[in-house]
Amino acid sequence: MIHSPEFRVGRRAPLTESKTVMKWNLTVLAGCLGGLALAWPVGGAETNSVAGRVGVYDSRVVAYAWFTSGAHMAQLQSQVATAKAEKQAGDTAKLTEDSAALRALQDQMHREVFSTAPCDEALAAIRERLPEIERAAGVTNLISKWDEPALNQHPGAAQVDVTDRLVEAFFKPTEKQSKMIESIKIAKPLPLEQCNELIQAGKN
């Protein structure tokens, strides 16, 4: 397993230089790109008018766990290797297509880890573990702590934090990863609209 790879966002200064974004030293995709140019709804869907227990999680932390998990990193490294080979071979058409896909992945990571975008793909990757996590936590739904409309569908329900349980479905955090996770938890998320603006500004 690859633990907390040191990525840096090349040529995306408006996003990475934001004081809000730099509250933690997040690992980011672009450093892996070298010289290249570059729904899974869980819980909240059904209304529960009776007070009960719902599992809440910090979607930023779950997204971080997914992006840095061994399986996802192996897939990413394969994509990067393919793009580098296309560059060396002068296959401009395929390079343009695959570089765009890598860029889209980077944008997705910014939205999910820096801001409050849903981490649907992360949850889809561990869908088979979700019932087990719900049973262990004694909850009937899993809802992002940033998803107010979904939380409002469960008035009076006790909220049980299952963030760490979800992370452990990807890996057992190392000391370095644990520090990263805790720093993400205490950081104020970047508003999604502002995150999108910074992403767009970085492309200009």
C-alpha atoms as a PDB file:
ATOM      1  CA  MET A   1       0.000   0.000   0.000  1.00  0.00           C
ATOM      2  CA  ILE A   2       1.207   3.498  -0.819  1.00  0.00           C
ATOM      3  CA  HIS A   3       0.883   5.804   2.164  1.00  0.00           C
ATOM      4  CA  SER A   4       0.295   9.539   1.779  1.00  0.00           C
ATOM      5  CA  PRO A   5       2.221  10.086  -1.485  1.00  0.00           C
ATOM      6  CA  GLU A   6       3.591  13.592  -1.779  1.00  0.00           C
ATOM      7  CA  PHE A   7       1.770  15.156  -4.701  1.00  0.00           C
ATOM      8  CA  ARG A   8       1.849  18.798  -5.623  1.00  0.00           C
ATOM      9  CA  VAL A   9      -0.515  20.734  -7.814  1.00  0.00           C
ATOM     10  CA  GLY A  10       1.523  22.114 -10.654  1.00  0.00           C
ATOM     11  CA  ARG A  11       0.411  25.309 -12.338  1.00  0.00           C
ATOM     12  CA  ARG A  12      -2.703  25.564 -10.164  1.00  0.00           C
ATOM     13  CA  ALA A  13      -1.500  28.417  -7.915  1.00  0.00           C
ATOM     14  CA  PRO A  14      -4.907  30.076  -7.345  1.00  0.00           C
ATOM     15  CA  LEU A  15      -6.155  26.896  -5.689  1.00  0.00           C
ATOM     16  CA  THR A  16      -3.082  25.721  -3.849  1.00  0.00           C
ATOM     17  CA  GLU A  17      -2.022  29.146  -2.602  1.00  0.00           C
ATOM     18  CA  SER A  18      -5.371  29.816  -0.969  1.00  0.00           C
ATOM     19  CA  LYS A  19      -4.847  30.185   2.777  1.00  0.00           C
ATOM     20  CA  THR A  20      -7.996  28.212   3.390  1.00  0.00           C
ATOM     21  CA  VAL A  21      -6.902  25.336   1.179  1.00  0.00           C
ATOM     22  CA  MET A  22      -3.415  25.237   2.675  1.00  0.00           C
ATOM     23  CA  LYS A  23      -4.687  24.597   6.199  1.00  0.00           C
ATOM     24  CA  TRP A  24      -3.373  21.096   5.759  1.00  0.00           C
ATOM     25  CA  ASN A  25      -0.635  19.606   3.593  1.00  0.00           C
ATOM     26  CA  LEU A  26      -2.908  17.508   1.390  1.00  0.00           C
ATOM     27  CA  THR A  27      -1.431  15.129  -1.159  1.00  0.00           C
ATOM     28  CA  VAL A  28      -2.560  16.096  -4.641  1.00  0.00           C
ATOM     29  CA  LEU A  29      -2.519  14.426  -8.048  1.00  0.00           C
ATOM     30  CA  ALA A  30      -0.466  16.770 -10.199  1.00  0.00           C
ATOM     31  CA  GLY A  31       2.946  15.933  -8.766  1.00  0.00           C
ATOM     32  CA  CYS A  32       2.463  12.456 -10.190  1.00  0.00           C
ATOM     33  CA  LEU A  33       1.936  13.860 -13.660  1.00  0.00           C
ATOM     34  CA  GLY A  34       5.544  14.907 -14.199  1.00  0.00           C
ATOM     35  CA  GLY A  35       5.822  17.080 -17.304  1.00  0.00           C
ATOM     36  CA  LEU A  36       2.440  16.171 -18.741  1.00  0.00           C
ATOM     37  CA  ALA A  37       0.013  18.884 -19.662  1.00  0.00           C
ATOM     38  CA  LEU A  38      -2.697  18.297 -18.338  1.00  0.00           C
ATOM     39  CA  ALA A  39     -24.135   7.752  -7.438  1.00  0.00           C
ATOM     40  CA  TRP A  40     -23.613   6.252  -4.898  1.00  0.00           C
ATOM     41  CA  PRO A  41     -26.388   7.771  -2.641  1.00  0.00           C
ATOM     42  CA  VAL A  42     -26.156   6.415   0.892  1.00  0.00           C
ATOM     43  CA  GLY A  43     -28.817   7.373   3.396  1.00  0.00           C
ATOM     44  CA  GLY A  44     -30.944  10.472   3.272  1.00  0.00           C
ATOM     45  CA  ALA A  45     -33.078   9.150   0.435  1.00  0.00           C
ATOM     46  CA  GLU A  46     -35.893   7.973   2.642  1.00  0.00           C
ATOM     47  CA  THR A  47     -37.466  10.113   5.311  1.00  0.00           C
ATOM     48  CA  ASN A  48     -37.386   8.841   8.862  1.00  0.00           C
ATOM     49  CA  SER A  49     -39.822  10.865  10.952  1.00  0.00           C
ATOM     50  CA  VAL A  50     -39.207   8.766  14.059  1.00  0.00           C
ATOM     51  CA  ALA A  51     -36.183   9.671  16.150  1.00  0.00           C
ATOM     52  CA  GLY A  52     -33.487   7.029  15.778  1.00  0.00           C
ATOM     53  CA  ARG A  53     -29.776   6.851  15.036  1.00  0.00           C
ATOM     54  CA  VAL A  54     -28.152   7.993  11.800  1.00  0.00           C
ATOM     55  CA  GLY A  55     -24.507   7.644  10.908  1.00  0.00           C
ATOM     56  CA  VAL A  56     -22.811  10.874   9.889  1.00  0.00           C
ATOM     57  CA  TYR A  57     -19.394  11.225   8.312  1.00  0.00           C
ATOM     58  CA  ASP A  58     -16.988  13.890   7.083  1.00  0.00           C
ATOM     59  CA  SER A  59     -17.049  13.337   3.326  1.00  0.00           C
ATOM     60  CA  ARG A  60     -13.668  15.085   2.951  1.00  0.00           C
ATOM     61  CA  VAL A  61     -11.958  12.470   5.101  1.00  0.00           C
ATOM     62  CA  VAL A  62     -13.671   9.573   3.327  1.00  0.00           C
ATOM     63  CA  ALA A  63     -12.661  11.036  -0.047  1.00  0.00           C
ATOM     64  CA  TYR A  64      -9.068  11.393   1.177  1.00  0.00           C
ATOM     65  CA  ALA A  65      -9.060   7.741   2.251  1.00  0.00           C
ATOM     66  CA  TRP A  66     -10.322   6.648  -1.149  1.00  0.00           C
ATOM     67  CA  PHE A  67      -7.931   8.805  -3.174  1.00  0.00           C
ATOM     68  CA  THR A  68      -4.919   7.572  -1.175  1.00  0.00           C
ATOM     69  CA  SER A  69      -5.965   3.933  -0.838  1.00  0.00           C
ATOM     70  CA  GLY A  70      -3.717   1.303  -2.375  1.00  0.00           C
ATOM     71  CA  ALA A  71      -6.265   0.222  -4.982  1.00  0.00           C
ATOM     72  CA  HIS A  72      -6.968   3.748  -6.183  1.00  0.00           C
ATOM     73  CA  MET A  73      -3.277   4.717  -6.233  1.00  0.00           C
ATOM     74  CA  ALA A  74      -2.439   1.649  -8.320  1.00  0.00           C
ATOM     75  CA  GLN A  75      -5.101   2.671 -10.836  1.00  0.00           C
ATOM     76  CA  LEU A  76      -3.804   6.246 -10.859  1.00  0.00           C
ATOM     77  CA  GLN A  77      -0.212   5.178 -11.416  1.00  0.00           C
ATOM     78  CA  SER A  78      -1.349   3.024 -14.321  1.00  0.00           C
ATOM     79  CA  GLN A  79      -3.152   6.010 -15.874  1.00  0.00           C
ATOM     80  CA  VAL A  80      -0.094   8.210 -15.437  1.00  0.00           C
ATOM     81  CA  ALA A  81       2.213   5.582 -16.937  1.00  0.00           C
ATOM     82  CA  THR A  82      -0.102   5.252 -19.929  1.00  0.00           C
ATOM     83  CA  ALA A  83      -0.152   9.016 -20.467  1.00  0.00           C
ATOM     84  CA  LYS A  84       3.643   9.235 -20.254  1.00  0.00           C
ATOM     85  CA  ALA A  85       3.984   6.441 -22.803  1.00  0.00           C
ATOM     86  CA  GLU A  86       1.586   8.277 -25.122  1.00  0.00           C
ATOM     87  CA  LYS A  87       3.663  11.433 -24.772  1.00  0.00           C
ATOM     88  CA  GLN A  88       6.875   9.604 -25.628  1.00  0.00           C
ATOM     89  CA  ALA A  89       5.196   7.937 -28.610  1.00  0.00           C
ATOM     90  CA  GLY A  90       3.820  11.245 -29.848  1.00  0.00           C
ATOM     91  CA  ASP A  91       0.235   9.984 -29.697  1.00  0.00           C
ATOM     92  CA  THR A  92      -1.263  13.440 -29.328  1.00  0.00           C
ATOM     93  CA  ALA A  93      -4.897  12.392 -29.629  1.00  0.00           C
ATOM     94  CA  LYS A  94      -4.736   9.771 -26.871  1.00  0.00           C
ATOM     95  CA  LEU A  95      -2.519  11.982 -24.717  1.00  0.00           C
ATOM     96  CA  THR A  96      -5.024  14.805 -24.902  1.00  0.00           C
ATOM     97  CA  GLU A  97      -7.872  12.473 -23.956  1.00  0.00           C
ATOM     98  CA  ASP A  98      -6.065  10.787 -21.057  1.00  0.00           C
ATOM     99  CA  SER A  99      -4.580  14.034 -19.741  1.00  0.00           C
ATOM    100  CA  ALA A 100      -8.099  15.489 -19.642  1.00  0.00           C
ATOM    101  CA  ALA A 101      -9.236  12.491 -17.610  1.00  0.00           C
ATOM    102  CA  LEU A 102      -6.389  13.011 -15.137  1.00  0.00           C
ATOM    103  CA  ARG A 103      -7.219  16.695 -14.906  1.00  0.00           C
ATOM    104  CA  ALA A 104     -10.864  15.853 -14.202  1.00  0.00           C
ATOM    105  CA  LEU A 105      -9.744  13.485 -11.441  1.00  0.00           C
ATOM    106  CA  GLN A 106      -7.669  16.247  -9.884  1.00  0.00           C
ATOM    107  CA  ASP A 107     -10.638  18.623  -9.984  1.00  0.00           C
ATOM    108  CA  GLN A 108     -12.815  15.950  -8.404  1.00  0.00           C
ATOM    109  CA  MET A 109     -10.304  15.495  -5.602  1.00  0.00           C
ATOM    110  CA  HIS A 110     -10.197  19.230  -4.939  1.00  0.00           C
ATOM    111  CA  ARG A 111     -13.991  19.397  -4.686  1.00  0.00           C
ATOM    112  CA  GLU A 112     -14.283  16.374  -2.423  1.00  0.00           C
ATOM    113  CA  VAL A 113     -11.271  16.807  -0.127  1.00  0.00           C
ATOM    114  CA  PHE A 114     -10.984  20.594   0.072  1.00  0.00           C
ATOM    115  CA  SER A 115     -14.718  21.262  -0.099  1.00  0.00           C
ATOM    116  CA  THR A 116     -18.014  19.461   0.564  1.00  0.00           C
ATOM    117  CA  ALA A 117     -18.820  17.700  -2.706  1.00  0.00           C
ATOM    118  CA  PRO A 118     -20.339  14.218  -2.139  1.00  0.00           C
ATOM    119  CA  CYS A 119     -17.829  11.363  -2.076  1.00  0.00           C
ATOM    120  CA  ASP A 120     -20.124   9.018  -3.997  1.00  0.00           C
ATOM    121  CA  GLU A 121     -17.369   7.055  -5.768  1.00  0.00           C
ATOM    122  CA  ALA A 122     -15.551   6.472  -2.491  1.00  0.00           C
ATOM    123  CA  LEU A 123     -18.688   5.011  -0.939  1.00  0.00           C
ATOM    124  CA  ALA A 124     -19.373   2.955  -4.059  1.00  0.00           C
ATOM    125  CA  ALA A 125     -15.905   1.422  -3.718  1.00  0.00           C
ATOM    126  CA  ILE A 126     -16.837   0.012  -0.289  1.00  0.00           C
ATOM    127  CA  ARG A 127     -20.550  -0.569  -0.879  1.00  0.00           C
ATOM    128  CA  GLU A 128     -20.316  -4.174   0.287  1.00  0.00           C
ATOM    129  CA  ARG A 129     -18.961  -3.031   3.658  1.00  0.00           C
ATOM    130  CA  LEU A 130     -21.622  -0.389   4.313  1.00  0.00           C
ATOM    131  CA  PRO A 131     -24.297  -2.689   5.825  1.00  0.00           C
ATOM    132  CA  GLU A 132     -21.680  -4.081   8.204  1.00  0.00           C
ATOM    133  CA  ILE A 133     -20.617  -0.559   9.203  1.00  0.00           C
ATOM    134  CA  GLU A 134     -24.227   0.462   9.801  1.00  0.00           C
ATOM    135  CA  ARG A 135     -24.848  -2.587  12.001  1.00  0.00           C
ATOM    136  CA  ALA A 136     -21.664  -2.058  14.018  1.00  0.00           C
ATOM    137  CA  ALA A 137     -22.559   1.595  14.640  1.00  0.00           C
ATOM    138  CA  GLY A 138     -26.220   0.827  15.310  1.00  0.00           C
ATOM    139  CA  VAL A 139     -27.464   3.217  12.612  1.00  0.00           C
ATOM    140  CA  THR A 140     -29.888   2.899   9.725  1.00  0.00           C
ATOM    141  CA  ASN A 141     -28.525   5.581   7.398  1.00  0.00           C
ATOM    142  CA  LEU A 142     -25.168   7.066   6.393  1.00  0.00           C
ATOM    143  CA  ILE A 143     -25.267  10.792   5.654  1.00  0.00           C
ATOM    144  CA  SER A 144     -22.540  13.357   5.028  1.00  0.00           C
ATOM    145  CA  LYS A 145     -22.319  15.884   7.852  1.00  0.00           C
ATOM    146  CA  TRP A 146     -22.391  18.603   5.171  1.00  0.00           C
ATOM    147  CA  ASP A 147     -25.653  17.349   3.607  1.00  0.00           C
ATOM    148  CA  GLU A 148     -28.155  19.448   5.563  1.00  0.00           C
ATOM    149  CA  PRO A 149     -31.211  18.557   3.422  1.00  0.00           C
ATOM    150  CA  ALA A 150     -30.640  14.841   4.048  1.00  0.00           C
ATOM    151  CA  LEU A 151     -30.013  15.376   7.763  1.00  0.00           C
ATOM    152  CA  ASN A 152     -33.193  17.417   8.015  1.00  0.00           C
ATOM    153  CA  GLN A 153     -35.137  14.343   6.901  1.00  0.00           C
ATOM    154  CA  HIS A 154     -34.253  12.745  10.240  1.00  0.00           C
ATOM    155  CA  PRO A 155     -35.362  15.303  12.847  1.00  0.00           C
ATOM    156  CA  GLY A 156     -34.569  14.331  16.395  1.00  0.00           C
ATOM    157  CA  ALA A 157     -32.369  11.413  15.376  1.00  0.00           C
ATOM    158  CA  ALA A 158     -29.146  10.866  17.287  1.00  0.00           C
ATOM    159  CA  GLN A 159     -26.119  11.401  15.057  1.00  0.00           C
ATOM    160  CA  VAL A 160     -23.333   8.846  15.362  1.00  0.00           C
ATOM    161  CA  ASP A 161     -19.990   9.741  13.741  1.00  0.00           C
ATOM    162  CA  VAL A 162     -18.890   6.848  11.521  1.00  0.00           C
ATOM    163  CA  THR A 163     -16.083   8.669   9.689  1.00  0.00           C
ATOM    164  CA  ASP A 164     -13.305   6.542  11.158  1.00  0.00           C
ATOM    165  CA  ARG A 165     -15.216   3.318  10.462  1.00  0.00           C
ATOM    166  CA  LEU A 166     -15.497   4.288   6.810  1.00  0.00           C
ATOM    167  CA  VAL A 167     -11.797   5.142   6.612  1.00  0.00           C
ATOM    168  CA  GLU A 168     -10.897   1.738   8.038  1.00  0.00           C
ATOM    169  CA  ALA A 169     -12.839   0.130   5.196  1.00  0.00           C
ATOM    170  CA  PHE A 170     -10.046   1.446   2.939  1.00  0.00           C
ATOM    171  CA  PHE A 171      -7.014   0.995   5.210  1.00  0.00           C
ATOM    172  CA  LYS A 172      -5.749   1.110   8.765  1.00  0.00           C
ATOM    173  CA  PRO A 173      -4.257   4.633   8.967  1.00  0.00           C
ATOM    174  CA  THR A 174      -0.562   5.032   9.615  1.00  0.00           C
ATOM    175  CA  GLU A 175       0.571   7.693  12.082  1.00  0.00           C
ATOM    176  CA  LYS A 176       1.124  10.103   9.189  1.00  0.00           C
ATOM    177  CA  GLN A 177      -2.282   9.386   7.698  1.00  0.00           C
ATOM    178  CA  SER A 178      -3.954   9.753  11.088  1.00  0.00           C
ATOM    179  CA  LYS A 179      -2.406  13.215  11.497  1.00  0.00           C
ATOM    180  CA  MET A 180      -3.604  14.154   8.012  1.00  0.00           C
ATOM    181  CA  ILE A 181      -7.110  12.909   8.768  1.00  0.00           C
ATOM    182  CA  GLU A 182      -7.301  14.836  12.034  1.00  0.00           C
ATOM    183  CA  SER A 183      -6.084  18.020  10.328  1.00  0.00           C
ATOM    184  CA  ILE A 184      -8.786  17.660   7.677  1.00  0.00           C
ATOM    185  CA  LYS A 185     -11.443  17.161  10.335  1.00  0.00           C
ATOM    186  CA  ILE A 186     -10.611  20.392  12.170  1.00  0.00           C
ATOM    187  CA  ALA A 187     -10.177  22.505   9.019  1.00  0.00           C
ATOM    188  CA  LYS A 188     -13.097  24.572   7.790  1.00  0.00           C
ATOM    189  CA  PRO A 189     -14.190  23.302   4.354  1.00  0.00           C
ATOM    190  CA  LEU A 190     -13.903  25.587   1.388  1.00  0.00           C
ATOM    191  CA  PRO A 191     -17.388  26.555   0.118  1.00  0.00           C
ATOM    192  CA  LEU A 192     -18.117  24.480  -2.975  1.00  0.00           C
ATOM    193  CA  GLU A 193     -18.871  27.510  -5.142  1.00  0.00           C
ATOM    194  CA  GLN A 194     -15.553  29.106  -4.177  1.00  0.00           C
ATOM    195  CA  CYS A 195     -13.729  25.829  -4.803  1.00  0.00           C
ATOM    196  CA  ASN A 196     -15.206  25.632  -8.302  1.00  0.00           C
ATOM    197  CA  GLU A 197     -14.174  29.229  -8.981  1.00  0.00           C
ATOM    198  CA  LEU A 198     -10.594  28.502  -7.904  1.00  0.00           C
ATOM    199  CA  ILE A 199     -10.490  25.362 -10.038  1.00  0.00           C
ATOM    200  CA  GLN A 200     -11.697  27.330 -13.047  1.00  0.00           C
ATOM    201  CA  ALA A 201      -9.220  30.136 -12.350  1.00  0.00           C
ATOM    202  CA  GLY A 202      -6.405  27.595 -12.323  1.00  0.00           C
ATOM    203  CA  LYS A 203      -7.305  26.566 -15.871  1.00  0.00           C
ATOM    204  CA  ASN A 204      -7.033  30.090 -17.258  1.00  0.00           C
END
